[in-house]
N, C-alpha and C. Protein backbone atom coordinates (compact mmCIF):
# COMPACT_ATOMS: atom_id res chain seq x y z
N UNK A 1 0.88 -1.19 0.00
CA UNK A 1 0.04 0.04 0.03
C UNK A 1 0.85 1.13 0.01
N UNK A 2 0.45 2.24 -0.78
CA UNK A 2 1.36 3.46 -0.87
C UNK A 2 1.44 4.16 0.59
N UNK A 3 2.57 4.73 0.74
CA UNK A 3 2.76 5.41 2.00
C UNK A 3 1.75 6.50 2.36
N UNK A 4 1.30 7.29 1.49
CA UNK A 4 0.30 8.29 1.63
C UNK A 4 -0.96 7.66 2.04
N UNK A 5 -1.35 6.50 1.73
CA UNK A 5 -2.57 5.94 2.19
C UNK A 5 -2.42 5.56 3.59
N UNK A 6 -1.39 4.92 4.02
CA UNK A 6 -1.09 4.45 5.36
C UNK A 6 -0.95 5.66 6.27
N UNK A 7 -0.50 6.76 5.88
CA UNK A 7 -0.52 7.98 6.67
C UNK A 7 -1.89 8.49 6.81
N UNK A 8 -2.78 8.47 6.02
CA UNK A 8 -4.08 9.03 6.09
C UNK A 8 -5.23 8.19 6.62
N UNK A 9 -4.93 6.84 6.51
CA UNK A 9 -5.91 5.88 7.05
C UNK A 9 -5.23 5.09 8.18
N UNK A 10 -5.95 5.09 9.29
CA UNK A 10 -5.43 4.48 10.52
C UNK A 10 -6.45 3.37 11.07
N UNK A 11 -5.93 2.39 11.73
CA UNK A 11 -6.65 1.46 12.43
C UNK A 11 -6.17 1.45 13.90
N UNK A 12 -6.95 1.98 14.82
CA UNK A 12 -6.78 2.02 16.24
C UNK A 12 -7.64 1.14 17.09
N UNK A 13 -7.22 0.27 17.80
CA UNK A 13 -8.23 -0.59 18.54
C UNK A 13 -9.33 0.17 19.32
N UNK A 14 -9.00 1.27 19.96
CA UNK A 14 -9.99 1.95 20.84
C UNK A 14 -10.68 3.06 20.00
N UNK A 15 -10.52 3.12 18.65
CA UNK A 15 -11.33 4.23 17.92
C UNK A 15 -12.24 3.38 16.91
N UNK A 16 -13.48 3.55 17.00
CA UNK A 16 -14.46 3.12 15.98
C UNK A 16 -14.18 1.52 16.06
N UNK A 17 -14.01 0.86 17.10
CA UNK A 17 -13.90 -0.54 17.07
C UNK A 17 -12.77 -1.02 16.21
N UNK A 18 -11.66 -0.29 16.06
CA UNK A 18 -10.55 -0.76 15.29
C UNK A 18 -10.64 -0.76 13.81
N UNK A 19 -11.90 -0.24 13.38
CA UNK A 19 -12.08 -0.14 11.94
C UNK A 19 -11.18 0.92 11.21
N UNK A 20 -10.97 0.73 9.88
CA UNK A 20 -10.08 1.76 9.19
C UNK A 20 -10.92 3.05 9.17
N UNK A 21 -10.15 4.03 9.58
CA UNK A 21 -10.70 5.50 9.77
C UNK A 21 -9.68 6.46 9.00
N UNK A 22 -10.33 7.59 8.67
CA UNK A 22 -9.47 8.80 8.19
C UNK A 22 -8.67 9.22 9.45
N UNK A 23 -7.33 9.23 9.20
CA UNK A 23 -6.39 9.67 10.32
C UNK A 23 -6.88 11.12 10.95
N UNK A 24 -6.94 11.15 12.27
CA UNK A 24 -7.40 12.26 12.98
C UNK A 24 -8.82 12.60 13.00
N UNK A 25 -9.58 11.55 12.50
CA UNK A 25 -10.99 11.63 12.62
C UNK A 25 -11.69 10.38 12.97
N UNK A 26 -12.86 10.42 13.45
CA UNK A 26 -13.66 9.23 13.77
C UNK A 26 -14.55 8.88 12.64
N UNK A 27 -14.05 9.11 11.41
CA UNK A 27 -14.89 8.88 10.14
C UNK A 27 -14.35 7.70 9.58
N UNK A 28 -15.13 6.64 9.56
CA UNK A 28 -14.57 5.29 9.01
C UNK A 28 -14.72 5.26 7.45
N UNK A 29 -13.63 4.51 6.94
CA UNK A 29 -13.54 4.38 5.56
C UNK A 29 -14.96 3.77 5.00
N UNK A 30 -15.57 2.93 5.79
CA UNK A 30 -16.78 2.27 5.25
C UNK A 30 -17.89 3.34 5.32
N UNK A 31 -17.82 4.37 6.00
CA UNK A 31 -18.79 5.37 5.95
C UNK A 31 -18.75 6.19 4.71
N UNK A 32 -17.53 6.50 4.24
CA UNK A 32 -17.22 7.08 3.12
C UNK A 32 -17.65 6.35 1.81
N UNK A 33 -17.28 5.04 1.79
CA UNK A 33 -17.59 4.05 0.85
C UNK A 33 -19.00 3.97 0.64
N UNK A 34 -19.80 3.84 1.77
CA UNK A 34 -21.25 3.69 1.56
C UNK A 34 -21.81 5.00 0.94
N UNK A 35 -21.33 6.11 1.17
CA UNK A 35 -21.82 7.38 0.72
C UNK A 35 -21.45 7.44 -0.83
N UNK A 36 -20.22 7.00 -1.14
CA UNK A 36 -19.78 7.04 -2.52
C UNK A 36 -20.37 6.00 -3.34
N UNK A 37 -20.30 4.71 -2.86
CA UNK A 37 -20.71 3.50 -3.70
C UNK A 37 -22.23 3.34 -3.70
N UNK A 38 -22.85 3.28 -2.42
CA UNK A 38 -24.31 3.08 -2.23
C UNK A 38 -25.15 4.25 -2.45
N UNK A 39 -24.75 5.46 -2.14
CA UNK A 39 -25.62 6.65 -2.31
C UNK A 39 -25.29 7.42 -3.51
N UNK A 40 -24.12 7.11 -4.13
CA UNK A 40 -23.79 7.79 -5.44
C UNK A 40 -23.25 9.23 -5.15
N UNK A 41 -22.71 9.41 -4.01
CA UNK A 41 -22.18 10.82 -3.74
C UNK A 41 -20.79 11.00 -4.35
N UNK A 42 -20.52 12.16 -4.84
CA UNK A 42 -19.22 12.45 -5.36
C UNK A 42 -18.23 12.67 -4.23
N UNK A 43 -16.96 12.80 -4.29
CA UNK A 43 -15.94 13.11 -3.38
C UNK A 43 -16.31 14.47 -2.85
N UNK A 44 -16.54 15.43 -3.80
CA UNK A 44 -16.91 16.85 -3.42
C UNK A 44 -18.12 16.88 -2.37
N UNK A 45 -19.12 16.00 -2.73
CA UNK A 45 -20.32 16.01 -1.94
C UNK A 45 -20.02 15.41 -0.48
N UNK A 46 -19.13 14.42 -0.41
CA UNK A 46 -18.75 13.80 0.81
C UNK A 46 -17.99 14.79 1.70
N UNK A 47 -17.05 15.59 0.91
CA UNK A 47 -16.29 16.67 1.81
C UNK A 47 -17.40 17.74 2.33
N UNK A 48 -18.39 17.98 1.52
CA UNK A 48 -19.43 18.94 1.99
C UNK A 48 -20.13 18.36 3.25
N UNK A 49 -20.27 17.02 3.23
CA UNK A 49 -20.99 16.30 4.46
C UNK A 49 -20.06 16.33 5.62
N UNK A 50 -18.81 16.27 5.41
CA UNK A 50 -17.85 16.14 6.44
C UNK A 50 -16.81 17.33 6.32
N UNK A 51 -17.20 18.53 6.80
CA UNK A 51 -16.40 19.70 6.58
C UNK A 51 -14.98 19.50 7.00
N UNK A 52 -14.60 18.72 7.97
CA UNK A 52 -13.31 18.50 8.53
C UNK A 52 -12.48 17.78 7.59
N UNK A 53 -12.94 17.08 6.61
CA UNK A 53 -12.21 16.20 5.67
C UNK A 53 -11.80 17.12 4.46
N UNK A 54 -10.67 16.59 3.90
CA UNK A 54 -10.31 17.28 2.64
C UNK A 54 -10.56 16.30 1.50
N UNK A 55 -10.56 16.81 0.27
CA UNK A 55 -10.69 15.95 -0.86
C UNK A 55 -9.75 14.83 -0.98
N UNK A 56 -8.51 15.07 -0.54
CA UNK A 56 -7.43 14.00 -0.51
C UNK A 56 -7.84 12.99 0.52
N UNK A 57 -8.40 13.28 1.71
CA UNK A 57 -8.74 12.38 2.66
C UNK A 57 -9.89 11.37 2.02
N UNK A 58 -10.68 12.01 1.34
CA UNK A 58 -11.83 11.22 0.78
C UNK A 58 -11.17 10.18 -0.24
N UNK A 59 -10.33 10.75 -1.10
CA UNK A 59 -9.62 9.97 -2.22
C UNK A 59 -8.73 8.85 -1.50
N UNK A 60 -8.20 9.18 -0.45
CA UNK A 60 -7.39 8.17 0.23
C UNK A 60 -8.21 7.07 0.81
N UNK A 61 -9.45 7.42 1.37
CA UNK A 61 -10.27 6.46 1.92
C UNK A 61 -10.72 5.59 0.80
N UNK A 62 -11.13 6.12 -0.32
CA UNK A 62 -11.63 5.19 -1.45
C UNK A 62 -10.43 4.32 -1.97
N UNK A 63 -9.25 4.92 -1.98
CA UNK A 63 -8.15 4.13 -2.46
C UNK A 63 -7.91 2.97 -1.48
N UNK A 64 -7.97 3.22 -0.20
CA UNK A 64 -7.82 2.08 0.77
C UNK A 64 -8.98 1.04 0.54
N UNK A 65 -10.21 1.49 0.19
CA UNK A 65 -11.22 0.63 0.00
C UNK A 65 -10.89 -0.27 -1.29
N UNK A 66 -10.52 0.20 -2.37
CA UNK A 66 -10.16 -0.50 -3.54
C UNK A 66 -9.03 -1.37 -3.37
N UNK A 67 -8.14 -1.11 -2.34
CA UNK A 67 -7.15 -2.09 -2.02
C UNK A 67 -7.53 -3.14 -1.10
N UNK A 68 -8.68 -2.87 -0.40
CA UNK A 68 -8.96 -3.73 0.72
C UNK A 68 -10.61 -3.93 0.75
N UNK A 69 -11.06 -4.26 -0.53
CA UNK A 69 -12.52 -4.44 -0.77
C UNK A 69 -13.24 -5.45 0.21
N UNK A 70 -12.61 -6.66 0.42
CA UNK A 70 -13.23 -7.69 1.30
C UNK A 70 -13.22 -7.21 2.66
N UNK A 71 -12.18 -6.53 3.17
CA UNK A 71 -12.25 -6.12 4.59
C UNK A 71 -13.26 -5.00 4.83
N UNK A 72 -13.48 -4.07 3.88
CA UNK A 72 -14.48 -3.06 4.05
C UNK A 72 -15.84 -3.53 3.86
N UNK A 73 -16.11 -4.29 2.88
CA UNK A 73 -17.37 -4.94 2.64
C UNK A 73 -17.80 -5.70 3.77
N UNK A 74 -16.91 -6.52 4.44
CA UNK A 74 -17.10 -7.25 5.66
C UNK A 74 -17.55 -6.36 6.80
N UNK A 75 -16.93 -5.16 6.90
CA UNK A 75 -17.29 -4.29 7.95
C UNK A 75 -18.66 -3.79 7.76
N UNK A 76 -18.93 -3.47 6.53
CA UNK A 76 -20.32 -3.01 6.21
C UNK A 76 -21.45 -4.04 6.53
N UNK A 77 -21.15 -5.35 6.16
CA UNK A 77 -22.11 -6.49 6.40
C UNK A 77 -22.27 -6.58 7.90
N UNK A 78 -21.17 -6.49 8.71
CA UNK A 78 -21.25 -6.66 10.05
C UNK A 78 -22.15 -5.51 10.72
N UNK A 79 -21.91 -4.27 10.26
CA UNK A 79 -22.69 -3.17 10.83
C UNK A 79 -24.21 -3.27 10.42
N UNK A 80 -24.48 -3.82 9.26
CA UNK A 80 -25.79 -4.04 8.88
C UNK A 80 -26.56 -5.22 9.74
N UNK A 81 -25.62 -6.23 9.96
CA UNK A 81 -26.31 -7.28 10.84
C UNK A 81 -26.51 -6.72 12.38
N UNK A 82 -25.66 -6.04 12.86
CA UNK A 82 -25.89 -5.38 14.16
C UNK A 82 -27.14 -4.57 14.06
N UNK A 83 -27.31 -3.68 13.14
CA UNK A 83 -28.46 -2.76 13.08
C UNK A 83 -29.76 -3.66 12.87
N UNK A 84 -29.67 -4.71 12.11
CA UNK A 84 -30.90 -5.65 12.02
C UNK A 84 -31.21 -6.27 13.40
N UNK A 85 -30.30 -6.69 14.10
CA UNK A 85 -30.52 -7.27 15.41
C UNK A 85 -31.20 -6.28 16.27
N UNK A 86 -30.62 -5.00 16.31
CA UNK A 86 -31.21 -3.94 17.09
C UNK A 86 -32.57 -3.57 16.71
N UNK A 87 -32.86 -3.51 15.43
CA UNK A 87 -34.26 -3.28 15.02
C UNK A 87 -35.16 -4.27 15.39
N UNK A 88 -34.83 -5.55 15.43
CA UNK A 88 -35.61 -6.60 15.79
C UNK A 88 -35.84 -6.61 17.37
N UNK A 89 -34.85 -6.23 18.12
CA UNK A 89 -35.03 -6.16 19.54
C UNK A 89 -35.87 -5.05 19.98
N UNK A 90 -35.78 -3.91 19.27
CA UNK A 90 -36.62 -2.72 19.73
C UNK A 90 -37.74 -2.43 18.77
N UNK A 91 -38.26 -3.39 18.10
CA UNK A 91 -39.29 -3.00 17.15
C UNK A 91 -40.54 -2.60 17.68
N UNK A 92 -40.96 -1.52 17.05
CA UNK A 92 -42.18 -0.80 17.50
C UNK A 92 -41.97 0.00 18.67
N UNK A 93 -40.71 0.33 19.18
CA UNK A 93 -40.59 1.15 20.33
C UNK A 93 -39.54 2.21 19.98
N UNK A 94 -39.59 3.32 20.69
CA UNK A 94 -38.56 4.26 20.54
C UNK A 94 -37.27 3.83 20.99
N UNK A 95 -36.18 3.84 20.21
CA UNK A 95 -34.96 3.14 20.54
C UNK A 95 -34.43 3.88 21.78
N UNK A 96 -34.40 5.13 21.85
CA UNK A 96 -33.91 6.00 23.05
C UNK A 96 -34.67 5.54 24.38
N UNK A 97 -35.95 5.44 24.26
CA UNK A 97 -36.70 5.13 25.46
C UNK A 97 -36.39 3.60 25.77
N UNK A 98 -36.37 2.85 24.92
CA UNK A 98 -36.12 1.43 25.21
C UNK A 98 -34.73 1.20 25.83
N UNK A 99 -33.77 1.84 25.37
CA UNK A 99 -32.38 1.82 25.88
C UNK A 99 -32.34 2.45 27.30
N UNK A 100 -32.99 3.38 27.55
CA UNK A 100 -33.09 4.08 28.88
C UNK A 100 -33.78 3.11 29.83
N UNK A 101 -34.91 2.49 29.43
CA UNK A 101 -35.61 1.57 30.31
C UNK A 101 -34.76 0.31 30.57
N UNK A 102 -33.91 -0.16 29.54
CA UNK A 102 -33.10 -1.27 29.86
C UNK A 102 -32.02 -0.93 30.77
N UNK A 103 -31.48 0.27 30.67
CA UNK A 103 -30.47 0.70 31.64
C UNK A 103 -30.99 0.80 32.97
N UNK A 104 -32.18 1.38 33.07
CA UNK A 104 -32.85 1.41 34.42
C UNK A 104 -33.08 -0.04 35.01
N UNK A 105 -33.39 -1.01 34.17
CA UNK A 105 -33.61 -2.28 34.82
C UNK A 105 -32.32 -2.89 35.24
N UNK A 106 -31.14 -2.55 34.60
CA UNK A 106 -29.82 -3.06 34.89
C UNK A 106 -29.52 -2.44 36.32
N UNK A 107 -29.73 -1.07 36.53
CA UNK A 107 -29.42 -0.54 37.79
C UNK A 107 -30.23 -1.07 38.94
N UNK A 108 -31.46 -1.55 38.65
CA UNK A 108 -32.30 -2.09 39.68
C UNK A 108 -31.84 -3.57 40.17
N UNK A 109 -31.00 -4.15 39.36
CA UNK A 109 -30.52 -5.52 39.71
C UNK A 109 -29.54 -5.43 40.74
């Protein structure tokens, strides 16, 4: 992988679950990929959505993705699976209210 990519993309265990992120940000590569690939956003539109990012940050994230497609697609699938589990658990309820109620039940134990 090119040096510039490894300087701009980091994986830190305590940041975003160790997923690949833009260096200095808590913006995951998979977030940029989903906006670009799945929502059809251009690099300029992604920069507008994340004002702290530069155009080169977005391109570095996309380059990382194209060098590591399986890793990032796996991260996206895992995220979707977790979301689906949570939707099933909290179906028909306000998520925030249910989480607060669950936290209260834990305190009572």
